[in-house]
Amino acid sequence: METYVADLLTEVDFAWLEQLVRRAGDIALRHYRKSTATRKKDNTLVTVADGEIEHFLRDALAKAFPHDTLLGEEMKTQAGTGERVWAIDPIDGTAAYAAGLPVWAISVGILVRGEPVAGVVYLPVVDEYYYSDGRVARLNGEQIHVDDSKQVNDETLLCITSEAHRHYRIDFKGKTRAFGSSAAHICFVARGSAAAVVLGHQALWDVAGALPVLRAAGGDLICLPDGEPPSDIASWIGGRKSPCPLLAGAPWALKYFLNRVTLLYHPQRGLETSGSTGRGRTDQEQGEHPV
């Protein structure tokens, strides 16, 4: 890690950040199974908890780091003069949250020069707190690592998107699961419970908290179908989605699944913009064409 980046992360009290995110989790649990979701202009779901949590986190972060840039799924970017950027997803997995299901997360990522370098992901229902300070990855204080077995059997888990059956052909002998949260999926890979995850097109706030956890745990992220690392994450800050669908996993799993996950459409780069206040259009609305 560059000294400049390390210095910026040293200014962050990660114990304080954990307390803050856990308090955001309390807000989410207060509304859990009690609030009704509505649809935003981009047709994605939102609940009262999304807005309340993002307000809460933004206010606290703005007071603690007044020169930093703040961006999130529900509100406009609050531009700062410093190099540090905070990307907030108040509830990653709003559909699961609204349905009363347990896998959804609060995600906060720290970016420096457009690259996610540290982050936290909290799953309040199961009380799992994942974080990376840029050096190690931990789950509830215990260090975690990706699956390095390099073995695939009928119990090997690949996490997928809820629309994977329409967008991909997946050929392997293990199991696929869509739990409902991209951030949680990435963390399941980081802890070694899943070998990899097919993520689809993602907004910055979807992955900014979890990606540093994954990388600190020994995993990484590549684009489908070419297998190249995403080189333009900084451009997502303006609300754009990743121009390619993403695959995250342990190094060996990335190679394995790259040959076993086939796209059933042609990503049209340059059309992957998100709504000004939302997660963005669905993959099909972004200009995908069946093969």
C-alpha atoms as a PDB file:
ATOM      1  CA  MET A   1       0.000   0.000   0.000  1.00  0.00           C
ATOM      2  CA  GLU A   2       1.266   3.458  -0.899  1.00  0.00           C
ATOM      3  CA  THR A   3       2.382   5.591   2.017  1.00  0.00           C
ATOM      4  CA  TYR A   4      -0.037   8.339   0.995  1.00  0.00           C
ATOM      5  CA  VAL A   5      -2.988   5.932   1.070  1.00  0.00           C
ATOM      6  CA  ALA A   6      -1.843   4.432   4.369  1.00  0.00           C
ATOM      7  CA  ASP A   7      -1.668   7.896   5.898  1.00  0.00           C
ATOM      8  CA  LEU A   8      -5.244   8.676   4.834  1.00  0.00           C
ATOM      9  CA  LEU A   9      -6.476   5.410   6.340  1.00  0.00           C
ATOM     10  CA  THR A  10      -4.574   6.068   9.562  1.00  0.00           C
ATOM     11  CA  GLU A  11      -6.842   9.075  10.041  1.00  0.00           C
ATOM     12  CA  VAL A  12      -9.865   6.764  10.153  1.00  0.00           C
ATOM     13  CA  ASP A  13     -10.776   5.285  13.541  1.00  0.00           C
ATOM     14  CA  PHE A  14     -12.135   1.904  12.480  1.00  0.00           C
ATOM     15  CA  ALA A  15     -13.462   1.158  15.967  1.00  0.00           C
ATOM     16  CA  TRP A  16     -15.514   4.358  15.753  1.00  0.00           C
ATOM     17  CA  LEU A  17     -16.640   3.410  12.268  1.00  0.00           C
ATOM     18  CA  GLU A  18     -17.833   0.019  13.501  1.00  0.00           C
ATOM     19  CA  GLN A  19     -19.904   1.650  16.226  1.00  0.00           C
ATOM     20  CA  LEU A  20     -21.376   4.023  13.652  1.00  0.00           C
ATOM     21  CA  VAL A  21     -22.326   1.280  11.199  1.00  0.00           C
ATOM     22  CA  ARG A  22     -23.772  -0.891  13.950  1.00  0.00           C
ATOM     23  CA  ARG A  23     -25.951   2.041  15.005  1.00  0.00           C
ATOM     24  CA  ALA A  24     -27.089   2.280  11.383  1.00  0.00           C
ATOM     25  CA  GLY A  25     -27.941  -1.401  11.689  1.00  0.00           C
ATOM     26  CA  ASP A  26     -30.142  -0.613  14.662  1.00  0.00           C
ATOM     27  CA  ILE A  27     -32.054   1.867  12.490  1.00  0.00           C
ATOM     28  CA  ALA A  28     -32.529  -0.797   9.831  1.00  0.00           C
ATOM     29  CA  LEU A  29     -33.749  -3.357  12.353  1.00  0.00           C
ATOM     30  CA  ARG A  30     -36.234  -0.870  13.793  1.00  0.00           C
ATOM     31  CA  HIS A  31     -37.951  -0.695  10.386  1.00  0.00           C
ATOM     32  CA  TYR A  32     -37.345  -4.341   9.440  1.00  0.00           C
ATOM     33  CA  ARG A  33     -40.544  -6.199   8.505  1.00  0.00           C
ATOM     34  CA  LYS A  34     -42.525  -3.052   9.338  1.00  0.00           C
ATOM     35  CA  SER A  35     -42.008  -0.786   6.328  1.00  0.00           C
ATOM     36  CA  THR A  36     -43.350  -1.068   2.795  1.00  0.00           C
ATOM     37  CA  ALA A  37     -41.085  -0.659  -0.215  1.00  0.00           C
ATOM     38  CA  THR A  38     -41.890   1.761  -3.011  1.00  0.00           C
ATOM     39  CA  ARG A  39     -40.377   2.111  -6.465  1.00  0.00           C
ATOM     40  CA  LYS A  40     -38.069   4.919  -7.506  1.00  0.00           C
ATOM     41  CA  LYS A  41     -37.997   6.515 -10.952  1.00  0.00           C
ATOM     42  CA  ASP A  42     -35.509   3.887 -12.114  1.00  0.00           C
ATOM     43  CA  ASN A  43     -37.956   1.151 -10.979  1.00  0.00           C
ATOM     44  CA  THR A  44     -35.736  -0.124  -8.148  1.00  0.00           C
ATOM     45  CA  LEU A  45     -37.068  -0.562  -4.627  1.00  0.00           C
ATOM     46  CA  VAL A  46     -36.535   1.805  -1.732  1.00  0.00           C
ATOM     47  CA  THR A  47     -37.770   1.865   1.872  1.00  0.00           C
ATOM     48  CA  VAL A  48     -37.874   4.548   4.522  1.00  0.00           C
ATOM     49  CA  ALA A  49     -34.906   2.831   6.159  1.00  0.00           C
ATOM     50  CA  ASP A  50     -32.684   3.480   3.104  1.00  0.00           C
ATOM     51  CA  GLY A  51     -33.051   7.235   3.366  1.00  0.00           C
ATOM     52  CA  GLU A  52     -32.863   7.362   7.157  1.00  0.00           C
ATOM     53  CA  ILE A  53     -29.688   5.293   7.277  1.00  0.00           C
ATOM     54  CA  GLU A  54     -27.944   7.259   4.556  1.00  0.00           C
ATOM     55  CA  HIS A  55     -28.841  10.544   6.271  1.00  0.00           C
ATOM     56  CA  PHE A  56     -27.480   9.201   9.549  1.00  0.00           C
ATOM     57  CA  LEU A  57     -24.192   7.995   8.046  1.00  0.00           C
ATOM     58  CA  ARG A  58     -23.656  11.094   5.921  1.00  0.00           C
ATOM     59  CA  ASP A  59     -24.195  13.434   8.854  1.00  0.00           C
ATOM     60  CA  ALA A  60     -21.729  11.580  11.060  1.00  0.00           C
ATOM     61  CA  LEU A  61     -19.078  11.226   8.358  1.00  0.00           C
ATOM     62  CA  ALA A  62     -19.413  14.866   7.275  1.00  0.00           C
ATOM     63  CA  LYS A  63     -18.784  16.013  10.836  1.00  0.00           C
ATOM     64  CA  ALA A  64     -15.808  13.698  11.309  1.00  0.00           C
ATOM     65  CA  PHE A  65     -14.280  14.275   7.858  1.00  0.00           C
ATOM     66  CA  PRO A  66     -15.522  17.664   6.606  1.00  0.00           C
ATOM     67  CA  HIS A  67     -13.179  17.739   3.580  1.00  0.00           C
ATOM     68  CA  ASP A  68     -14.105  14.288   2.248  1.00  0.00           C
ATOM     69  CA  THR A  69     -16.459  13.502  -0.618  1.00  0.00           C
ATOM     70  CA  LEU A  70     -19.620  11.568   0.265  1.00  0.00           C
ATOM     71  CA  LEU A  71     -21.691   9.617  -2.230  1.00  0.00           C
ATOM     72  CA  GLY A  72     -24.471   7.121  -1.839  1.00  0.00           C
ATOM     73  CA  GLU A  73     -27.283   5.309  -3.522  1.00  0.00           C
ATOM     74  CA  GLU A  74     -30.130   7.513  -2.336  1.00  0.00           C
ATOM     75  CA  MET A  75     -28.692  11.043  -2.370  1.00  0.00           C
ATOM     76  CA  LYS A  76     -26.600  13.311  -4.536  1.00  0.00           C
ATOM     77  CA  THR A  77     -22.839  13.395  -4.215  1.00  0.00           C
ATOM     78  CA  GLN A  78     -21.546  15.802  -1.597  1.00  0.00           C
ATOM     79  CA  ALA A  79     -18.238  16.897  -3.100  1.00  0.00           C
ATOM     80  CA  GLY A  80     -15.242  17.563  -0.876  1.00  0.00           C
ATOM     81  CA  THR A  81     -11.767  18.939  -1.395  1.00  0.00           C
ATOM     82  CA  GLY A  82      -9.807  15.967  -0.037  1.00  0.00           C
ATOM     83  CA  GLU A  83      -8.587  12.772  -1.700  1.00  0.00           C
ATOM     84  CA  ARG A  84     -10.788  10.475   0.364  1.00  0.00           C
ATOM     85  CA  VAL A  85     -14.236   9.408  -0.870  1.00  0.00           C
ATOM     86  CA  TRP A  86     -16.888   7.549   1.134  1.00  0.00           C
ATOM     87  CA  ALA A  87     -19.344   5.368  -0.817  1.00  0.00           C
ATOM     88  CA  ILE A  88     -22.486   4.428   1.110  1.00  0.00           C
ATOM     89  CA  ASP A  89     -25.066   1.787   0.337  1.00  0.00           C
ATOM     90  CA  PRO A  90     -27.574   2.150   3.183  1.00  0.00           C
ATOM     91  CA  ILE A  91     -29.198  -1.191   2.428  1.00  0.00           C
ATOM     92  CA  ASP A  92     -27.608  -3.450  -0.133  1.00  0.00           C
ATOM     93  CA  GLY A  93     -30.320  -5.956  -0.892  1.00  0.00           C
ATOM     94  CA  THR A  94     -33.397  -3.768  -0.496  1.00  0.00           C
ATOM     95  CA  ALA A  95     -35.626  -6.377  -2.155  1.00  0.00           C
ATOM     96  CA  ALA A  96     -34.582  -8.974   0.426  1.00  0.00           C
ATOM     97  CA  TYR A  97     -34.982  -6.430   3.222  1.00  0.00           C
ATOM     98  CA  ALA A  98     -38.456  -5.450   2.048  1.00  0.00           C
ATOM     99  CA  ALA A  99     -39.451  -9.109   1.798  1.00  0.00           C
ATOM    100  CA  GLY A 100     -38.375  -9.750   5.380  1.00  0.00           C
ATOM    101  CA  LEU A 101     -35.490 -11.994   4.364  1.00  0.00           C
ATOM    102  CA  PRO A 102     -32.287 -12.006   6.441  1.00  0.00           C
ATOM    103  CA  VAL A 103     -29.484 -11.372   3.923  1.00  0.00           C
ATOM    104  CA  TRP A 104     -29.058  -7.636   3.357  1.00  0.00           C
ATOM    105  CA  ALA A 105     -26.255  -5.358   4.383  1.00  0.00           C
ATOM    106  CA  ILE A 106     -25.099  -1.872   5.208  1.00  0.00           C
ATOM    107  CA  SER A 107     -21.982  -1.076   3.185  1.00  0.00           C
ATOM    108  CA  VAL A 108     -19.472   1.744   3.531  1.00  0.00           C
ATOM    109  CA  GLY A 109     -16.386   1.926   1.327  1.00  0.00           C
ATOM    110  CA  ILE A 110     -13.395   4.257   1.416  1.00  0.00           C
ATOM    111  CA  LEU A 111     -11.812   5.211  -1.894  1.00  0.00           C
ATOM    112  CA  VAL A 112      -8.576   7.026  -2.566  1.00  0.00           C
ATOM    113  CA  ARG A 113      -7.849   8.238  -6.091  1.00  0.00           C
ATOM    114  CA  GLY A 114     -10.870   6.316  -7.318  1.00  0.00           C
ATOM    115  CA  GLU A 115      -9.857   2.940  -5.888  1.00  0.00           C
ATOM    116  CA  PRO A 116     -11.635   1.184  -2.983  1.00  0.00           C
ATOM    117  CA  VAL A 117      -8.938   0.718  -0.329  1.00  0.00           C
ATOM    118  CA  ALA A 118     -10.874  -0.015   2.882  1.00  0.00           C
ATOM    119  CA  GLY A 119     -14.441  -0.822   3.765  1.00  0.00           C
ATOM    120  CA  VAL A 120     -17.055  -2.368   6.003  1.00  0.00           C
ATOM    121  CA  VAL A 121     -20.101  -4.530   5.385  1.00  0.00           C
ATOM    122  CA  TYR A 122     -22.567  -5.255   8.194  1.00  0.00           C
ATOM    123  CA  LEU A 123     -25.358  -7.838   8.137  1.00  0.00           C
ATOM    124  CA  PRO A 124     -27.517  -6.840  11.122  1.00  0.00           C
ATOM    125  CA  VAL A 125     -29.905  -9.823  11.220  1.00  0.00           C
ATOM    126  CA  VAL A 126     -27.084 -12.346  11.578  1.00  0.00           C
ATOM    127  CA  ASP A 127     -24.744  -9.849  13.305  1.00  0.00           C
ATOM    128  CA  GLU A 128     -21.839 -10.341  10.901  1.00  0.00           C
ATOM    129  CA  TYR A 129     -19.481  -7.382  10.663  1.00  0.00           C
ATOM    130  CA  TYR A 130     -16.901  -7.626   7.893  1.00  0.00           C
ATOM    131  CA  TYR A 131     -14.215  -5.007   7.510  1.00  0.00           C
ATOM    132  CA  SER A 132     -10.818  -4.270   6.090  1.00  0.00           C
ATOM    133  CA  ASP A 133      -8.560  -1.438   7.127  1.00  0.00           C
ATOM    134  CA  GLY A 134      -6.588  -1.922   3.928  1.00  0.00           C
ATOM    135  CA  ARG A 135      -4.301  -4.541   5.434  1.00  0.00           C
ATOM    136  CA  VAL A 136      -6.311  -7.507   6.715  1.00  0.00           C
ATOM    137  CA  ALA A 137      -9.881  -8.736   6.383  1.00  0.00           C
ATOM    138  CA  ARG A 138     -11.890  -9.632   9.460  1.00  0.00           C
ATOM    139  CA  LEU A 139     -15.312 -10.997  10.373  1.00  0.00           C
ATOM    140  CA  ASN A 140     -16.388 -10.037  13.895  1.00  0.00           C
ATOM    141  CA  GLY A 141     -12.731  -9.507  14.768  1.00  0.00           C
ATOM    142  CA  GLU A 142     -11.412 -12.806  13.390  1.00  0.00           C
ATOM    143  CA  GLN A 143      -9.182 -12.755  10.327  1.00  0.00           C
ATOM    144  CA  ILE A 144     -10.694 -14.382   7.233  1.00  0.00           C
ATOM    145  CA  HIS A 145      -9.341 -15.707   3.955  1.00  0.00           C
ATOM    146  CA  VAL A 146     -10.769 -16.925   0.671  1.00  0.00           C
ATOM    147  CA  ASP A 147     -11.065 -20.614  -0.098  1.00  0.00           C
ATOM    148  CA  ASP A 148      -7.638 -21.769  -1.259  1.00  0.00           C
ATOM    149  CA  SER A 149      -8.503 -25.472  -1.589  1.00  0.00           C
ATOM    150  CA  LYS A 150      -8.529 -25.316  -5.402  1.00  0.00           C
ATOM    151  CA  GLN A 151     -11.105 -28.080  -5.226  1.00  0.00           C
ATOM    152  CA  VAL A 152     -14.526 -28.200  -6.875  1.00  0.00           C
ATOM    153  CA  ASN A 153     -17.151 -30.735  -5.874  1.00  0.00           C
ATOM    154  CA  ASP A 154     -20.938 -30.994  -5.704  1.00  0.00           C
ATOM    155  CA  GLU A 155     -20.990 -28.797  -2.586  1.00  0.00           C
ATOM    156  CA  THR A 156     -18.874 -25.970  -4.019  1.00  0.00           C
ATOM    157  CA  LEU A 157     -20.867 -22.744  -3.839  1.00  0.00           C
ATOM    158  CA  LEU A 158     -21.113 -20.075  -6.528  1.00  0.00           C
ATOM    159  CA  CYS A 159     -23.170 -17.026  -5.555  1.00  0.00           C
ATOM    160  CA  ILE A 160     -25.158 -15.505  -8.413  1.00  0.00           C
ATOM    161  CA  THR A 161     -27.481 -12.620  -9.203  1.00  0.00           C
ATOM    162  CA  SER A 162     -31.226 -13.090  -8.960  1.00  0.00           C
ATOM    163  CA  GLU A 163     -31.450 -12.770 -12.756  1.00  0.00           C
ATOM    164  CA  ALA A 164     -28.597 -15.143 -13.581  1.00  0.00           C
ATOM    165  CA  HIS A 165     -30.956 -17.605 -15.258  1.00  0.00           C
ATOM    166  CA  ARG A 166     -31.690 -14.972 -17.917  1.00  0.00           C
ATOM    167  CA  HIS A 167     -28.195 -13.589 -18.399  1.00  0.00           C
ATOM    168  CA  TYR A 168     -25.694 -16.434 -18.059  1.00  0.00           C
ATOM    169  CA  ARG A 169     -25.120 -20.071 -18.853  1.00  0.00           C
ATOM    170  CA  ILE A 170     -23.260 -21.650 -15.933  1.00  0.00           C
ATOM    171  CA  ASP A 171     -21.685 -25.071 -16.326  1.00  0.00           C
ATOM    172  CA  PHE A 172     -20.192 -26.610 -13.194  1.00  0.00           C
ATOM    173  CA  LYS A 173     -21.027 -29.453 -10.837  1.00  0.00           C
ATOM    174  CA  GLY A 174     -21.470 -27.416  -7.675  1.00  0.00           C
ATOM    175  CA  LYS A 175     -24.353 -25.314  -6.372  1.00  0.00           C
ATOM    176  CA  THR A 176     -25.540 -21.790  -7.121  1.00  0.00           C
ATOM    177  CA  ARG A 177     -27.294 -19.489  -4.661  1.00  0.00           C
ATOM    178  CA  ALA A 178     -28.709 -15.953  -4.880  1.00  0.00           C
ATOM    179  CA  PHE A 179     -28.985 -14.618  -1.320  1.00  0.00           C
ATOM    180  CA  GLY A 180     -29.987 -11.082  -2.324  1.00  0.00           C
ATOM    181  CA  SER A 181     -27.024  -8.794  -1.580  1.00  0.00           C
ATOM    182  CA  SER A 182     -23.940  -8.223  -3.730  1.00  0.00           C
ATOM    183  CA  ALA A 183     -21.936  -6.964  -0.748  1.00  0.00           C
ATOM    184  CA  ALA A 184     -22.864 -10.028   1.282  1.00  0.00           C
ATOM    185  CA  HIS A 185     -22.025 -12.335  -1.627  1.00  0.00           C
ATOM    186  CA  ILE A 186     -18.556 -10.818  -1.904  1.00  0.00           C
ATOM    187  CA  CYS A 187     -18.015 -11.224   1.825  1.00  0.00           C
ATOM    188  CA  PHE A 188     -19.130 -14.865   1.655  1.00  0.00           C
ATOM    189  CA  VAL A 189     -16.322 -15.345  -0.861  1.00  0.00           C
ATOM    190  CA  ALA A 190     -13.881 -13.457   1.384  1.00  0.00           C
ATOM    191  CA  ARG A 191     -14.640 -15.777   4.301  1.00  0.00           C
ATOM    192  CA  GLY A 192     -14.226 -18.889   2.160  1.00  0.00           C
ATOM    193  CA  SER A 193     -17.867 -19.989   2.242  1.00  0.00           C
ATOM    194  CA  ALA A 194     -18.311 -19.438  -1.505  1.00  0.00           C
ATOM    195  CA  ALA A 195     -15.654 -19.942  -4.148  1.00  0.00           C
ATOM    196  CA  ALA A 196     -16.828 -17.060  -6.323  1.00  0.00           C
ATOM    197  CA  VAL A 197     -19.733 -14.784  -7.145  1.00  0.00           C
ATOM    198  CA  VAL A 198     -21.201 -13.651 -10.464  1.00  0.00           C
ATOM    199  CA  LEU A 199     -22.131 -10.033  -9.765  1.00  0.00           C
ATOM    200  CA  GLY A 200     -23.470  -8.599 -12.980  1.00  0.00           C
ATOM    201  CA  HIS A 201     -23.205  -4.847 -13.648  1.00  0.00           C
ATOM    202  CA  GLN A 202     -22.595  -3.012 -10.379  1.00  0.00           C
ATOM    203  CA  ALA A 203     -22.747   0.546  -9.114  1.00  0.00           C
ATOM    204  CA  LEU A 204     -19.821   1.810  -7.076  1.00  0.00           C
ATOM    205  CA  TRP A 205     -21.690   1.727  -3.767  1.00  0.00           C
ATOM    206  CA  ASP A 206     -22.629  -1.923  -4.391  1.00  0.00           C
ATOM    207  CA  VAL A 207     -19.007  -3.078  -4.158  1.00  0.00           C
ATOM    208  CA  ALA A 208     -16.992  -0.285  -2.508  1.00  0.00           C
ATOM    209  CA  GLY A 209     -17.340  -1.660   1.010  1.00  0.00           C
ATOM    210  CA  ALA A 210     -16.885  -5.335   0.183  1.00  0.00           C
ATOM    211  CA  LEU A 211     -14.141  -5.208  -2.444  1.00  0.00           C
ATOM    212  CA  PRO A 212     -11.381  -4.148   0.008  1.00  0.00           C
ATOM    213  CA  VAL A 213     -12.483  -6.987   2.304  1.00  0.00           C
ATOM    214  CA  LEU A 214     -12.219  -9.452  -0.564  1.00  0.00           C
ATOM    215  CA  ARG A 215      -8.810  -8.241  -1.675  1.00  0.00           C
ATOM    216  CA  ALA A 216      -7.405  -8.244   1.851  1.00  0.00           C
ATOM    217  CA  ALA A 217      -8.690 -11.819   2.177  1.00  0.00           C
ATOM    218  CA  GLY A 218      -6.767 -12.901  -0.925  1.00  0.00           C
ATOM    219  CA  GLY A 219      -9.462 -12.598  -3.595  1.00  0.00           C
ATOM    220  CA  ASP A 220     -10.036 -10.241  -6.498  1.00  0.00           C
ATOM    221  CA  LEU A 221     -12.458  -8.976  -9.118  1.00  0.00           C
ATOM    222  CA  ILE A 222     -12.443  -9.392 -12.905  1.00  0.00           C
ATOM    223  CA  CYS A 223     -14.672  -8.544 -15.843  1.00  0.00           C
ATOM    224  CA  LEU A 224     -16.672 -11.014 -17.872  1.00  0.00           C
ATOM    225  CA  PRO A 225     -16.108 -12.318 -20.426  1.00  0.00           C
ATOM    226  CA  ASP A 226     -12.491 -11.203 -20.998  1.00  0.00           C
ATOM    227  CA  GLY A 227     -11.101 -11.862 -17.518  1.00  0.00           C
ATOM    228  CA  GLU A 228      -9.427  -8.457 -17.266  1.00  0.00           C
ATOM    229  CA  PRO A 229      -9.508  -6.467 -14.008  1.00  0.00           C
ATOM    230  CA  PRO A 230     -11.878  -3.480 -14.042  1.00  0.00           C
ATOM    231  CA  SER A 231      -9.714  -0.495 -14.945  1.00  0.00           C
ATOM    232  CA  ASP A 232     -12.237   2.321 -14.699  1.00  0.00           C
ATOM    233  CA  ILE A 233     -13.707   2.097 -11.196  1.00  0.00           C
ATOM    234  CA  ALA A 234     -13.092   5.818 -10.697  1.00  0.00           C
ATOM    235  CA  SER A 235     -15.572   6.571 -13.493  1.00  0.00           C
ATOM    236  CA  TRP A 236     -18.357   4.889 -11.513  1.00  0.00           C
ATOM    237  CA  ILE A 237     -18.265   7.735  -8.963  1.00  0.00           C
ATOM    238  CA  GLY A 238     -20.570   9.763 -11.197  1.00  0.00           C
ATOM    239  CA  GLY A 239     -23.329   7.158 -10.907  1.00  0.00           C
ATOM    240  CA  ARG A 240     -22.288   4.910 -13.770  1.00  0.00           C
ATOM    241  CA  LYS A 241     -22.427   1.150 -13.487  1.00  0.00           C
ATOM    242  CA  SER A 242     -19.604  -1.193 -14.403  1.00  0.00           C
ATOM    243  CA  PRO A 243     -19.526  -1.520 -18.200  1.00  0.00           C
ATOM    244  CA  CYS A 244     -19.016  -5.270 -17.904  1.00  0.00           C
ATOM    245  CA  PRO A 245     -20.551  -7.893 -15.631  1.00  0.00           C
ATOM    246  CA  LEU A 246     -18.194  -8.751 -12.782  1.00  0.00           C
ATOM    247  CA  LEU A 247     -16.868 -11.971 -11.298  1.00  0.00           C
ATOM    248  CA  ALA A 248     -15.277 -12.005  -7.836  1.00  0.00           C
ATOM    249  CA  GLY A 249     -13.490 -14.913  -6.239  1.00  0.00           C
ATOM    250  CA  ALA A 250     -10.376 -16.637  -5.044  1.00  0.00           C
ATOM    251  CA  PRO A 251      -7.604 -16.469  -7.692  1.00  0.00           C
ATOM    252  CA  TRP A 252      -7.981 -20.117  -8.707  1.00  0.00           C
ATOM    253  CA  ALA A 253     -11.785 -19.792  -8.796  1.00  0.00           C
ATOM    254  CA  LEU A 254     -11.619 -16.791 -11.128  1.00  0.00           C
ATOM    255  CA  LYS A 255      -9.720 -18.879 -13.666  1.00  0.00           C
ATOM    256  CA  TYR A 256     -12.055 -21.827 -13.191  1.00  0.00           C
ATOM    257  CA  PHE A 257     -15.345 -19.962 -13.561  1.00  0.00           C
ATOM    258  CA  LEU A 258     -14.126 -17.703 -16.353  1.00  0.00           C
ATOM    259  CA  ASN A 259     -14.333 -20.780 -18.568  1.00  0.00           C
ATOM    260  CA  ARG A 260     -17.673 -21.921 -17.180  1.00  0.00           C
ATOM    261  CA  VAL A 261     -19.790 -18.768 -17.081  1.00  0.00           C
ATOM    262  CA  THR A 262     -21.029 -17.738 -20.526  1.00  0.00           C
ATOM    263  CA  LEU A 263     -22.817 -14.466 -21.173  1.00  0.00           C
ATOM    264  CA  LEU A 264     -26.137 -14.737 -23.012  1.00  0.00           C
ATOM    265  CA  TYR A 265     -25.983 -11.102 -24.113  1.00  0.00           C
ATOM    266  CA  HIS A 266     -23.516  -8.536 -25.427  1.00  0.00           C
ATOM    267  CA  PRO A 267     -22.730  -5.782 -22.878  1.00  0.00           C
ATOM    268  CA  GLN A 268     -22.986  -2.388 -24.571  1.00  0.00           C
ATOM    269  CA  ARG A 269     -20.361  -0.255 -22.917  1.00  0.00           C
ATOM    270  CA  GLY A 270     -21.271   3.367 -22.515  1.00  0.00           C
ATOM    271  CA  LEU A 271     -24.972   2.801 -21.730  1.00  0.00           C
ATOM    272  CA  GLU A 272     -24.487   1.689 -18.157  1.00  0.00           C
ATOM    273  CA  THR A 273     -25.627   4.820 -16.338  1.00  0.00           C
ATOM    274  CA  SER A 274     -27.515   4.751 -13.062  1.00  0.00           C
ATOM    275  CA  GLY A 275     -30.349   7.025 -12.075  1.00  0.00           C
ATOM    276  CA  SER A 276     -29.363  10.152 -10.185  1.00  0.00           C
ATOM    277  CA  THR A 277     -30.781   8.805  -6.956  1.00  0.00           C
ATOM    278  CA  GLY A 278     -30.956   5.065  -7.489  1.00  0.00           C
ATOM    279  CA  ARG A 279     -29.202   1.836  -8.256  1.00  0.00           C
ATOM    280  CA  GLY A 280     -29.911   2.196 -11.970  1.00  0.00           C
ATOM    281  CA  ARG A 281     -31.723   0.320 -14.642  1.00  0.00           C
ATOM    282  CA  THR A 282     -31.838  -3.424 -14.894  1.00  0.00           C
ATOM    283  CA  ASP A 283     -29.291  -5.228 -17.024  1.00  0.00           C
ATOM    284  CA  GLN A 284     -31.742  -5.563 -19.895  1.00  0.00           C
ATOM    285  CA  GLU A 285     -32.659  -1.888 -19.760  1.00  0.00           C
ATOM    286  CA  GLN A 286     -28.949  -1.031 -20.001  1.00  0.00           C
ATOM    287  CA  GLY A 287     -28.853  -2.236 -23.574  1.00  0.00           C
ATOM    288  CA  GLU A 288     -28.027  -5.935 -23.374  1.00  0.00           C
ATOM    289  CA  HIS A 289     -28.829  -8.026 -26.402  1.00  0.00           C
ATOM    290  CA  PRO A 290     -29.318 -11.802 -26.276  1.00  0.00           C
ATOM    291  CA  VAL A 291     -26.751 -13.789 -28.178  1.00  0.00           C
END
